[in-house]
Amino acid sequence: MNQNKRTDAKRATALKNIWKKIPGNDSATQCQRVLAAIRELGSVSTFEASRFLDIYHPPARVLTLRRNGHRIETVWCDEQTENGEWHRVARYVLRGRTR
C-alpha cells in the first residue's frame, strides 16, 4: 500500500478532535491519541500524528503500543507537506492485539 495523499480537511478535523478529547503531553497520553486515531480513522501517519495529534516522535509511541500487545503494521506511503513537498513516511495500521 503506497498511498500518495495529503490529509484532507475532514480527516484533519477528526484528528484535531482526538487531540482535544485526549489532552496532555506525557507518553501514555500520546499513546492513547495514536491508538484512538488508528481505531477511528483506520490508520495514522507519522506526519498526521506529529502535525495534528501533537506527538513529537510518533515511532516511539507506536513502539510502546506494540510492546503493550497491539499488532500495528507499518506501511510506507508518500505524503505532501503544507509547503507542497513530498516525503516518504510511515503509516500505522492496527491489525489486532496479541495479548
PDB file of N, CA and C in Angstrom:
ATOM      1  N   MET A   1       0.854  -1.179   0.000  1.00  0.00           N
ATOM      2  CA  MET A   1       0.000   0.000   0.000  1.00  0.00           C
ATOM      3  C   MET A   1       0.892   1.232   0.000  1.00  0.00           C
ATOM      4  N   ASN A   2       1.074   1.801  -1.131  1.00  0.00           N
ATOM      5  CA  ASN A   2       1.876   3.015  -1.232  1.00  0.00           C
ATOM      6  C   ASN A   2       0.938   4.147  -1.622  1.00  0.00           C
ATOM      7  N   GLN A   3       0.385   4.798  -0.619  1.00  0.00           N
ATOM      8  CA  GLN A   3      -0.574   5.862  -0.878  1.00  0.00           C
ATOM      9  C   GLN A   3       0.142   7.181  -1.116  1.00  0.00           C
ATOM     10  N   ASN A   4      -0.331   7.900  -2.097  1.00  0.00           N
ATOM     11  CA  ASN A   4       0.136   9.265  -2.310  1.00  0.00           C
ATOM     12  C   ASN A   4      -1.021  10.153  -1.923  1.00  0.00           C
ATOM     13  N   LYS A   5      -0.874  10.876  -0.829  1.00  0.00           N
ATOM     14  CA  LYS A   5      -2.015  11.661  -0.377  1.00  0.00           C
ATOM     15  C   LYS A   5      -1.607  12.860   0.450  1.00  0.00           C
ATOM     16  N   ARG A   6      -2.577  13.663   0.688  1.00  0.00           N
ATOM     17  CA  ARG A   6      -2.456  14.792   1.588  1.00  0.00           C
ATOM     18  C   ARG A   6      -3.645  14.691   2.527  1.00  0.00           C
ATOM     19  N   THR A   7      -3.470  15.025   3.764  1.00  0.00           N
ATOM     20  CA  THR A   7      -4.551  14.926   4.730  1.00  0.00           C
ATOM     21  C   THR A   7      -5.662  15.896   4.348  1.00  0.00           C
ATOM     22  N   ASP A   8      -6.864  15.356   4.084  1.00  0.00           N
ATOM     23  CA  ASP A   8      -7.973  16.234   3.699  1.00  0.00           C
ATOM     24  C   ASP A   8      -8.570  16.906   4.938  1.00  0.00           C
ATOM     25  N   ALA A   9      -9.420  17.884   4.708  1.00  0.00           N
ATOM     26  CA  ALA A   9      -9.975  18.707   5.794  1.00  0.00           C
ATOM     27  C   ALA A   9     -10.797  17.882   6.781  1.00  0.00           C
ATOM     28  N   LYS A  10     -11.564  16.928   6.291  1.00  0.00           N
ATOM     29  CA  LYS A  10     -12.396  16.105   7.176  1.00  0.00           C
ATOM     30  C   LYS A  10     -11.521  15.252   8.109  1.00  0.00           C
ATOM     31  N   ARG A  11     -10.490  14.663   7.540  1.00  0.00           N
ATOM     32  CA  ARG A  11      -9.574  13.836   8.332  1.00  0.00           C
ATOM     33  C   ARG A  11      -8.806  14.706   9.338  1.00  0.00           C
ATOM     34  N   ALA A  12      -8.356  15.880   8.911  1.00  0.00           N
ATOM     35  CA  ALA A  12      -7.636  16.798   9.799  1.00  0.00           C
ATOM     36  C   ALA A  12      -8.521  17.202  10.978  1.00  0.00           C
ATOM     37  N   THR A  13      -9.788  17.461  10.709  1.00  0.00           N
ATOM     38  CA  THR A  13     -10.727  17.823  11.781  1.00  0.00           C
ATOM     39  C   THR A  13     -10.898  16.670  12.751  1.00  0.00           C
ATOM     40  N   ALA A  14     -11.019  15.453  12.243  1.00  0.00           N
ATOM     41  CA  ALA A  14     -11.158  14.280  13.109  1.00  0.00           C
ATOM     42  C   ALA A  14      -9.921  14.119  13.995  1.00  0.00           C
ATOM     43  N   LEU A  15      -8.744  14.315  13.431  1.00  0.00           N
ATOM     44  CA  LEU A  15      -7.505  14.210  14.208  1.00  0.00           C
ATOM     45  C   LEU A  15      -7.435  15.290  15.283  1.00  0.00           C
ATOM     46  N   LYS A  16      -7.811  16.509  14.925  1.00  0.00           N
ATOM     47  CA  LYS A  16      -7.799  17.606  15.904  1.00  0.00           C
ATOM     48  C   LYS A  16      -8.797  17.339  17.033  1.00  0.00           C
ATOM     49  N   ASN A  17      -9.929  16.733  16.705  1.00  0.00           N
ATOM     50  CA  ASN A  17     -10.916  16.395  17.733  1.00  0.00           C
ATOM     51  C   ASN A  17     -10.392  15.331  18.691  1.00  0.00           C
ATOM     52  N   ILE A  18      -9.625  14.384  18.183  1.00  0.00           N
ATOM     53  CA  ILE A  18      -8.997  13.378  19.048  1.00  0.00           C
ATOM     54  C   ILE A  18      -8.039  14.080  20.005  1.00  0.00           C
ATOM     55  N   TRP A  19      -7.262  15.019  19.484  1.00  0.00           N
ATOM     56  CA  TRP A  19      -6.322  15.768  20.332  1.00  0.00           C
ATOM     57  C   TRP A  19      -7.073  16.511  21.436  1.00  0.00           C
ATOM     58  N   LYS A  20      -8.215  17.107  21.095  1.00  0.00           N
ATOM     59  CA  LYS A  20      -8.997  17.840  22.097  1.00  0.00           C
ATOM     60  C   LYS A  20      -9.593  16.907  23.149  1.00  0.00           C
ATOM     61  N   LYS A  21     -10.008  15.706  22.742  1.00  0.00           N
ATOM     62  CA  LYS A  21     -10.610  14.737  23.668  1.00  0.00           C
ATOM     63  C   LYS A  21      -9.584  14.096  24.592  1.00  0.00           C
ATOM     64  N   ILE A  22      -8.335  14.013  24.121  1.00  0.00           N
ATOM     65  CA  ILE A  22      -7.285  13.346  24.898  1.00  0.00           C
ATOM     66  C   ILE A  22      -6.103  14.305  25.035  1.00  0.00           C
ATOM     67  N   PRO A  23      -6.242  15.330  25.881  1.00  0.00           N
ATOM     68  CA  PRO A  23      -5.164  16.312  26.026  1.00  0.00           C
ATOM     69  C   PRO A  23      -4.024  15.792  26.906  1.00  0.00           C
ATOM     70  N   GLY A  24      -2.886  16.414  26.786  1.00  0.00           N
ATOM     71  CA  GLY A  24      -1.737  16.067  27.623  1.00  0.00           C
ATOM     72  C   GLY A  24      -0.531  15.717  26.782  1.00  0.00           C
ATOM     73  N   ASN A  25       0.650  15.800  27.400  1.00  0.00           N
ATOM     74  CA  ASN A  25       1.883  15.555  26.658  1.00  0.00           C
ATOM     75  C   ASN A  25       2.693  14.367  27.141  1.00  0.00           C
ATOM     76  N   ASP A  26       2.259  13.698  28.208  1.00  0.00           N
ATOM     77  CA  ASP A  26       3.037  12.550  28.674  1.00  0.00           C
ATOM     78  C   ASP A  26       2.922  11.404  27.664  1.00  0.00           C
ATOM     79  N   SER A  27       3.858  10.486  27.720  1.00  0.00           N
ATOM     80  CA  SER A  27       3.918   9.431  26.703  1.00  0.00           C
ATOM     81  C   SER A  27       2.672   8.535  26.706  1.00  0.00           C
ATOM     82  N   ALA A  28       2.112   8.247  27.860  1.00  0.00           N
ATOM     83  CA  ALA A  28       0.914   7.397  27.926  1.00  0.00           C
ATOM     84  C   ALA A  28      -0.264   8.065  27.222  1.00  0.00           C
ATOM     85  N   THR A  29      -0.418   9.362  27.418  1.00  0.00           N
ATOM     86  CA  THR A  29      -1.498  10.102  26.764  1.00  0.00           C
ATOM     87  C   THR A  29      -1.277  10.160  25.258  1.00  0.00           C
ATOM     88  N   GLN A  30      -0.038  10.355  24.835  1.00  0.00           N
ATOM     89  CA  GLN A  30       0.261  10.368  23.408  1.00  0.00           C
ATOM     90  C   GLN A  30      -0.053   9.009  22.775  1.00  0.00           C
ATOM     91  N   CYS A  31       0.247   7.936  23.486  1.00  0.00           N
ATOM     92  CA  CYS A  31      -0.087   6.594  23.001  1.00  0.00           C
ATOM     93  C   CYS A  31      -1.599   6.438  22.848  1.00  0.00           C
ATOM     94  N   GLN A  32      -2.351   6.964  23.803  1.00  0.00           N
ATOM     95  CA  GLN A  32      -3.811   6.905  23.713  1.00  0.00           C
ATOM     96  C   GLN A  32      -4.307   7.628  22.470  1.00  0.00           C
ATOM     97  N   ARG A  33      -3.725   8.775  22.170  1.00  0.00           N
ATOM     98  CA  ARG A  33      -4.138   9.540  20.987  1.00  0.00           C
ATOM     99  C   ARG A  33      -3.829   8.788  19.692  1.00  0.00           C
ATOM    100  N   VAL A  34      -2.635   8.207  19.604  1.00  0.00           N
ATOM    101  CA  VAL A  34      -2.271   7.440  18.404  1.00  0.00           C
ATOM    102  C   VAL A  34      -3.241   6.282  18.216  1.00  0.00           C
ATOM    103  N   LEU A  35      -3.487   5.535  19.288  1.00  0.00           N
ATOM    104  CA  LEU A  35      -4.379   4.388  19.204  1.00  0.00           C
ATOM    105  C   LEU A  35      -5.800   4.815  18.841  1.00  0.00           C
ATOM    106  N   ALA A  36      -6.273   5.904  19.420  1.00  0.00           N
ATOM    107  CA  ALA A  36      -7.611   6.412  19.094  1.00  0.00           C
ATOM    108  C   ALA A  36      -7.697   6.796  17.619  1.00  0.00           C
ATOM    109  N   ALA A  37      -6.662   7.429  17.106  1.00  0.00           N
ATOM    110  CA  ALA A  37      -6.660   7.841  15.699  1.00  0.00           C
ATOM    111  C   ALA A  37      -6.674   6.635  14.771  1.00  0.00           C
ATOM    112  N   ILE A  38      -5.852   5.637  15.077  1.00  0.00           N
ATOM    113  CA  ILE A  38      -5.818   4.436  14.241  1.00  0.00           C
ATOM    114  C   ILE A  38      -7.178   3.749  14.265  1.00  0.00           C
ATOM    115  N   ARG A  39      -7.760   3.623  15.440  1.00  0.00           N
ATOM    116  CA  ARG A  39      -9.064   2.963  15.550  1.00  0.00           C
ATOM    117  C   ARG A  39     -10.167   3.738  14.835  1.00  0.00           C
ATOM    118  N   GLU A  40     -10.174   5.042  15.001  1.00  0.00           N
ATOM    119  CA  GLU A  40     -11.242   5.858  14.432  1.00  0.00           C
ATOM    120  C   GLU A  40     -11.100   6.048  12.921  1.00  0.00           C
ATOM    121  N   LEU A  41      -9.867   6.216  12.455  1.00  0.00           N
ATOM    122  CA  LEU A  41      -9.645   6.549  11.046  1.00  0.00           C
ATOM    123  C   LEU A  41      -9.077   5.406  10.208  1.00  0.00           C
ATOM    124  N   GLY A  42      -8.733   4.298  10.860  1.00  0.00           N
ATOM    125  CA  GLY A  42      -8.187   3.154  10.136  1.00  0.00           C
ATOM    126  C   GLY A  42      -6.679   3.153  10.041  1.00  0.00           C
ATOM    127  N   SER A  43      -6.081   4.331  10.128  1.00  0.00           N
ATOM    128  CA  SER A  43      -4.623   4.454  10.089  1.00  0.00           C
ATOM    129  C   SER A  43      -4.253   5.881  10.477  1.00  0.00           C
ATOM    130  N   VAL A  44      -2.974   6.059  10.775  1.00  0.00           N
ATOM    131  CA  VAL A  44      -2.441   7.406  11.020  1.00  0.00           C
ATOM    132  C   VAL A  44      -0.983   7.396  10.590  1.00  0.00           C
ATOM    133  N   SER A  45      -0.555   8.461   9.951  1.00  0.00           N
ATOM    134  CA  SER A  45       0.839   8.555   9.506  1.00  0.00           C
ATOM    135  C   SER A  45       1.663   9.327  10.531  1.00  0.00           C
ATOM    136  N   THR A  46       2.974   9.215  10.403  1.00  0.00           N
ATOM    137  CA  THR A  46       3.845   9.982  11.296  1.00  0.00           C
ATOM    138  C   THR A  46       3.603  11.477  11.091  1.00  0.00           C
ATOM    139  N   PHE A  47       3.359  11.866   9.857  1.00  0.00           N
ATOM    140  CA  PHE A  47       3.072  13.269   9.538  1.00  0.00           C
ATOM    141  C   PHE A  47       1.810  13.731  10.271  1.00  0.00           C
ATOM    142  N   GLU A  48       0.735  12.958  10.179  1.00  0.00           N
ATOM    143  CA  GLU A  48      -0.526  13.323  10.825  1.00  0.00           C
ATOM    144  C   GLU A  48      -0.391  13.340  12.346  1.00  0.00           C
ATOM    145  N   ALA A  49       0.281  12.342  12.894  1.00  0.00           N
ATOM    146  CA  ALA A  49       0.444  12.274  14.350  1.00  0.00           C
ATOM    147  C   ALA A  49       1.238  13.467  14.867  1.00  0.00           C
ATOM    148  N   SER A  50       2.245  13.847  14.135  1.00  0.00           N
ATOM    149  CA  SER A  50       3.061  14.990  14.524  1.00  0.00           C
ATOM    150  C   SER A  50       2.291  16.304  14.380  1.00  0.00           C
ATOM    151  N   ARG A  51       1.679  16.512  13.230  1.00  0.00           N
ATOM    152  CA  ARG A  51       1.013  17.785  12.931  1.00  0.00           C
ATOM    153  C   ARG A  51      -0.301  17.985  13.689  1.00  0.00           C
ATOM    154  N   PHE A  52      -1.134  16.949  13.741  1.00  0.00           N
ATOM    155  CA  PHE A  52      -2.485  17.116  14.253  1.00  0.00           C
ATOM    156  C   PHE A  52      -2.708  16.556  15.664  1.00  0.00           C
ATOM    157  N   LEU A  53      -1.864  15.588  16.068  1.00  0.00           N
ATOM    158  CA  LEU A  53      -2.037  14.993  17.399  1.00  0.00           C
ATOM    159  C   LEU A  53      -0.997  15.489  18.392  1.00  0.00           C
ATOM    160  N   ASP A  54      -0.101  16.371  17.944  1.00  0.00           N
ATOM    161  CA  ASP A  54       0.925  16.967  18.806  1.00  0.00           C
ATOM    162  C   ASP A  54       1.822  15.907  19.443  1.00  0.00           C
ATOM    163  N   ILE A  55       2.266  14.970  18.619  1.00  0.00           N
ATOM    164  CA  ILE A  55       3.162  13.908  19.078  1.00  0.00           C
ATOM    165  C   ILE A  55       4.515  14.136  18.428  1.00  0.00           C
ATOM    166  N   TYR A  56       5.503  14.423  19.251  1.00  0.00           N
ATOM    167  CA  TYR A  56       6.810  14.800  18.754  1.00  0.00           C
ATOM    168  C   TYR A  56       7.510  13.659  18.017  1.00  0.00           C
ATOM    169  N   HIS A  57       7.437  12.435  18.564  1.00  0.00           N
ATOM    170  CA  HIS A  57       8.132  11.294  17.952  1.00  0.00           C
ATOM    171  C   HIS A  57       7.164  10.111  17.848  1.00  0.00           C
ATOM    172  N   PRO A  58       6.306  10.095  16.833  1.00  0.00           N
ATOM    173  CA  PRO A  58       5.303   9.039  16.694  1.00  0.00           C
ATOM    174  C   PRO A  58       5.858   7.603  16.705  1.00  0.00           C
ATOM    175  N   PRO A  59       7.020   7.320  16.070  1.00  0.00           N
ATOM    176  CA  PRO A  59       7.506   5.939  16.099  1.00  0.00           C
ATOM    177  C   PRO A  59       7.725   5.396  17.521  1.00  0.00           C
ATOM    178  N   ALA A  60       8.131   6.250  18.435  1.00  0.00           N
ATOM    179  CA  ALA A  60       8.336   5.809  19.822  1.00  0.00           C
ATOM    180  C   ALA A  60       7.011   5.421  20.471  1.00  0.00           C
ATOM    181  N   ARG A  61       5.959   6.160  20.168  1.00  0.00           N
ATOM    182  CA  ARG A  61       4.629   5.849  20.734  1.00  0.00           C
ATOM    183  C   ARG A  61       4.103   4.550  20.157  1.00  0.00           C
ATOM    184  N   VAL A  62       4.326   4.336  18.867  1.00  0.00           N
ATOM    185  CA  VAL A  62       3.887   3.098  18.223  1.00  0.00           C
ATOM    186  C   VAL A  62       4.667   1.915  18.797  1.00  0.00           C
ATOM    187  N   LEU A  63       5.953   2.092  19.038  1.00  0.00           N
ATOM    188  CA  LEU A  63       6.757   1.029  19.641  1.00  0.00           C
ATOM    189  C   LEU A  63       6.209   0.657  21.021  1.00  0.00           C
ATOM    190  N   THR A  64       5.849   1.649  21.808  1.00  0.00           N
ATOM    191  CA  THR A  64       5.257   1.386  23.131  1.00  0.00           C
ATOM    192  C   THR A  64       3.955   0.605  22.985  1.00  0.00           C
ATOM    193  N   LEU A  65       3.118   1.005  22.051  1.00  0.00           N
ATOM    194  CA  LEU A  65       1.854   0.295  21.826  1.00  0.00           C
ATOM    195  C   LEU A  65       2.115  -1.153  21.398  1.00  0.00           C
ATOM    196  N   ARG A  66       3.106  -1.369  20.557  1.00  0.00           N
ATOM    197  CA  ARG A  66       3.463  -2.734  20.145  1.00  0.00           C
ATOM    198  C   ARG A  66       3.929  -3.549  21.345  1.00  0.00           C
ATOM    199  N   ARG A  67       4.731  -2.946  22.189  1.00  0.00           N
ATOM    200  CA  ARG A  67       5.215  -3.650  23.386  1.00  0.00           C
ATOM    201  C   ARG A  67       4.083  -3.974  24.352  1.00  0.00           C
ATOM    202  N   ASN A  68       2.994  -3.208  24.251  1.00  0.00           N
ATOM    203  CA  ASN A  68       1.812  -3.465  25.081  1.00  0.00           C
ATOM    204  C   ASN A  68       0.837  -4.424  24.421  1.00  0.00           C
ATOM    205  N   GLY A  69       1.254  -5.039  23.320  1.00  0.00           N
ATOM    206  CA  GLY A  69       0.459  -6.095  22.713  1.00  0.00           C
ATOM    207  C   GLY A  69      -0.364  -5.721  21.498  1.00  0.00           C
ATOM    208  N   HIS A  70      -0.294  -4.487  21.050  1.00  0.00           N
ATOM    209  CA  HIS A  70      -1.053  -4.092  19.863  1.00  0.00           C
ATOM    210  C   HIS A  70      -0.269  -4.471  18.610  1.00  0.00           C
ATOM    211  N   ARG A  71      -0.942  -5.146  17.685  1.00  0.00           N
ATOM    212  CA  ARG A  71      -0.315  -5.522  16.418  1.00  0.00           C
ATOM    213  C   ARG A  71      -0.506  -4.358  15.439  1.00  0.00           C
ATOM    214  N   ILE A  72       0.506  -3.528  15.337  1.00  0.00           N
ATOM    215  CA  ILE A  72       0.451  -2.356  14.470  1.00  0.00           C
ATOM    216  C   ILE A  72       1.447  -2.555  13.339  1.00  0.00           C
ATOM    217  N   GLU A  73       0.920  -2.486  12.122  1.00  0.00           N
ATOM    218  CA  GLU A  73       1.736  -2.664  10.931  1.00  0.00           C
ATOM    219  C   GLU A  73       2.195  -1.299  10.423  1.00  0.00           C
ATOM    220  N   THR A  74       3.409  -1.239   9.921  1.00  0.00           N
ATOM    221  CA  THR A  74       3.926  -0.034   9.278  1.00  0.00           C
ATOM    222  C   THR A  74       3.813  -0.200   7.777  1.00  0.00           C
ATOM    223  N   VAL A  75       3.161   0.755   7.143  1.00  0.00           N
ATOM    224  CA  VAL A  75       3.010   0.790   5.690  1.00  0.00           C
ATOM    225  C   VAL A  75       3.640   2.095   5.212  1.00  0.00           C
ATOM    226  N   TRP A  76       4.500   2.015   4.221  1.00  0.00           N
ATOM    227  CA  TRP A  76       5.171   3.217   3.733  1.00  0.00           C
ATOM    228  C   TRP A  76       4.336   3.908   2.667  1.00  0.00           C
ATOM    229  N   CYS A  77       4.275   5.219   2.743  1.00  0.00           N
ATOM    230  CA  CYS A  77       3.497   5.999   1.778  1.00  0.00           C
ATOM    231  C   CYS A  77       4.166   7.346   1.558  1.00  0.00           C
ATOM    232  N   ASP A  78       3.694   8.056   0.560  1.00  0.00           N
ATOM    233  CA  ASP A  78       4.185   9.400   0.264  1.00  0.00           C
ATOM    234  C   ASP A  78       3.117  10.394   0.675  1.00  0.00           C
ATOM    235  N   GLU A  79       3.514  11.411   1.442  1.00  0.00           N
ATOM    236  CA  GLU A  79       2.569  12.445   1.855  1.00  0.00           C
ATOM    237  C   GLU A  79       3.160  13.816   1.557  1.00  0.00           C
ATOM    238  N   GLN A  80       2.271  14.724   1.263  1.00  0.00           N
ATOM    239  CA  GLN A  80       2.672  16.073   0.902  1.00  0.00           C
ATOM    240  C   GLN A  80       2.568  16.995   2.112  1.00  0.00           C
ATOM    241  N   THR A  81       3.593  17.802   2.322  1.00  0.00           N
ATOM    242  CA  THR A  81       3.585  18.768   3.421  1.00  0.00           C
ATOM    243  C   THR A  81       2.809  20.015   3.010  1.00  0.00           C
ATOM    244  N   GLU A  82       2.646  20.907   3.968  1.00  0.00           N
ATOM    245  CA  GLU A  82       1.969  22.170   3.697  1.00  0.00           C
ATOM    246  C   GLU A  82       2.697  22.983   2.625  1.00  0.00           C
ATOM    247  N   ASN A  83       3.990  22.780   2.486  1.00  0.00           N
ATOM    248  CA  ASN A  83       4.794  23.506   1.500  1.00  0.00           C
ATOM    249  C   ASN A  83       4.742  22.874   0.116  1.00  0.00           C
ATOM    250  N   GLY A  84       4.031  21.764   0.000  1.00  0.00           N
ATOM    251  CA  GLY A  84       3.902  21.101  -1.292  1.00  0.00           C
ATOM    252  C   GLY A  84       4.970  20.067  -1.583  1.00  0.00           C
ATOM    253  N   GLU A  85       5.877  19.838  -0.645  1.00  0.00           N
ATOM    254  CA  GLU A  85       6.932  18.842  -0.827  1.00  0.00           C
ATOM    255  C   GLU A  85       6.415  17.455  -0.453  1.00  0.00           C
ATOM    256  N   TRP A  86       6.896  16.442  -1.167  1.00  0.00           N
ATOM    257  CA  TRP A  86       6.505  15.055  -0.886  1.00  0.00           C
ATOM    258  C   TRP A  86       7.581  14.367  -0.054  1.00  0.00           C
ATOM    259  N   HIS A  87       7.129  13.556   0.924  1.00  0.00           N
ATOM    260  CA  HIS A  87       8.033  12.809   1.799  1.00  0.00           C
ATOM    261  C   HIS A  87       7.534  11.381   1.947  1.00  0.00           C
ATOM    262  N   ARG A  88       8.444  10.450   2.053  1.00  0.00           N
ATOM    263  CA  ARG A  88       8.102   9.063   2.343  1.00  0.00           C
ATOM    264  C   ARG A  88       7.956   8.957   3.852  1.00  0.00           C
ATOM    265  N   VAL A  89       6.772   8.556   4.302  1.00  0.00           N
ATOM    266  CA  VAL A  89       6.507   8.480   5.737  1.00  0.00           C
ATOM    267  C   VAL A  89       5.842   7.157   6.079  1.00  0.00           C
ATOM    268  N   ALA A  90       5.900   6.802   7.350  1.00  0.00           N
ATOM    269  CA  ALA A  90       5.236   5.592   7.832  1.00  0.00           C
ATOM    270  C   ALA A  90       3.770   5.888   8.098  1.00  0.00           C
ATOM    271  N   ARG A  91       2.921   4.943   7.741  1.00  0.00           N
ATOM    272  CA  ARG A  91       1.504   4.983   8.089  1.00  0.00           C
ATOM    273  C   ARG A  91       1.258   3.735   8.932  1.00  0.00           C
ATOM    274  N   TYR A  92       0.597   3.910  10.079  1.00  0.00           N
ATOM    275  CA  TYR A  92       0.388   2.817  11.017  1.00  0.00           C
ATOM    276  C   TYR A  92      -1.043   2.319  10.936  1.00  0.00           C
ATOM    277  N   VAL A  93      -1.185   0.990  10.876  1.00  0.00           N
ATOM    278  CA  VAL A  93      -2.481   0.336  10.753  1.00  0.00           C
ATOM    279  C   VAL A  93      -2.580  -0.717  11.848  1.00  0.00           C
ATOM    280  N   LEU A  94      -3.689  -0.729  12.571  1.00  0.00           N
ATOM    281  CA  LEU A  94      -3.901  -1.701  13.638  1.00  0.00           C
ATOM    282  C   LEU A  94      -4.392  -3.019  13.043  1.00  0.00           C
ATOM    283  N   ARG A  95      -3.732  -4.099  13.385  1.00  0.00           N
ATOM    284  CA  ARG A  95      -4.093  -5.423  12.894  1.00  0.00           C
ATOM    285  C   ARG A  95      -4.635  -6.319  14.013  1.00  0.00           C
ATOM    286  N   GLY A  96      -4.799  -5.772  15.193  1.00  0.00           N
ATOM    287  CA  GLY A  96      -5.315  -6.564  16.312  1.00  0.00           C
ATOM    288  C   GLY A  96      -4.457  -6.434  17.539  1.00  0.00           C
ATOM    289  N   ARG A  97      -4.666  -7.352  18.441  1.00  0.00           N
ATOM    290  CA  ARG A  97      -3.955  -7.343  19.717  1.00  0.00           C
ATOM    291  C   ARG A  97      -3.426  -8.739  19.979  1.00  0.00           C
ATOM    292  N   THR A  98      -2.205  -8.839  20.474  1.00  0.00           N
ATOM    293  CA  THR A  98      -1.620 -10.158  20.719  1.00  0.00           C
ATOM    294  C   THR A  98      -1.893 -10.647  22.143  1.00  0.00           C
ATOM    295  N   ARG A  99      -2.171  -9.733  23.056  1.00  0.00           N
ATOM    296  CA  ARG A  99      -2.435 -10.155  24.442  1.00  0.00           C
ATOM    297  C   ARG A  99      -3.714  -9.528  24.931  1.00  0.00           C
TER     298      ARG A  99
END
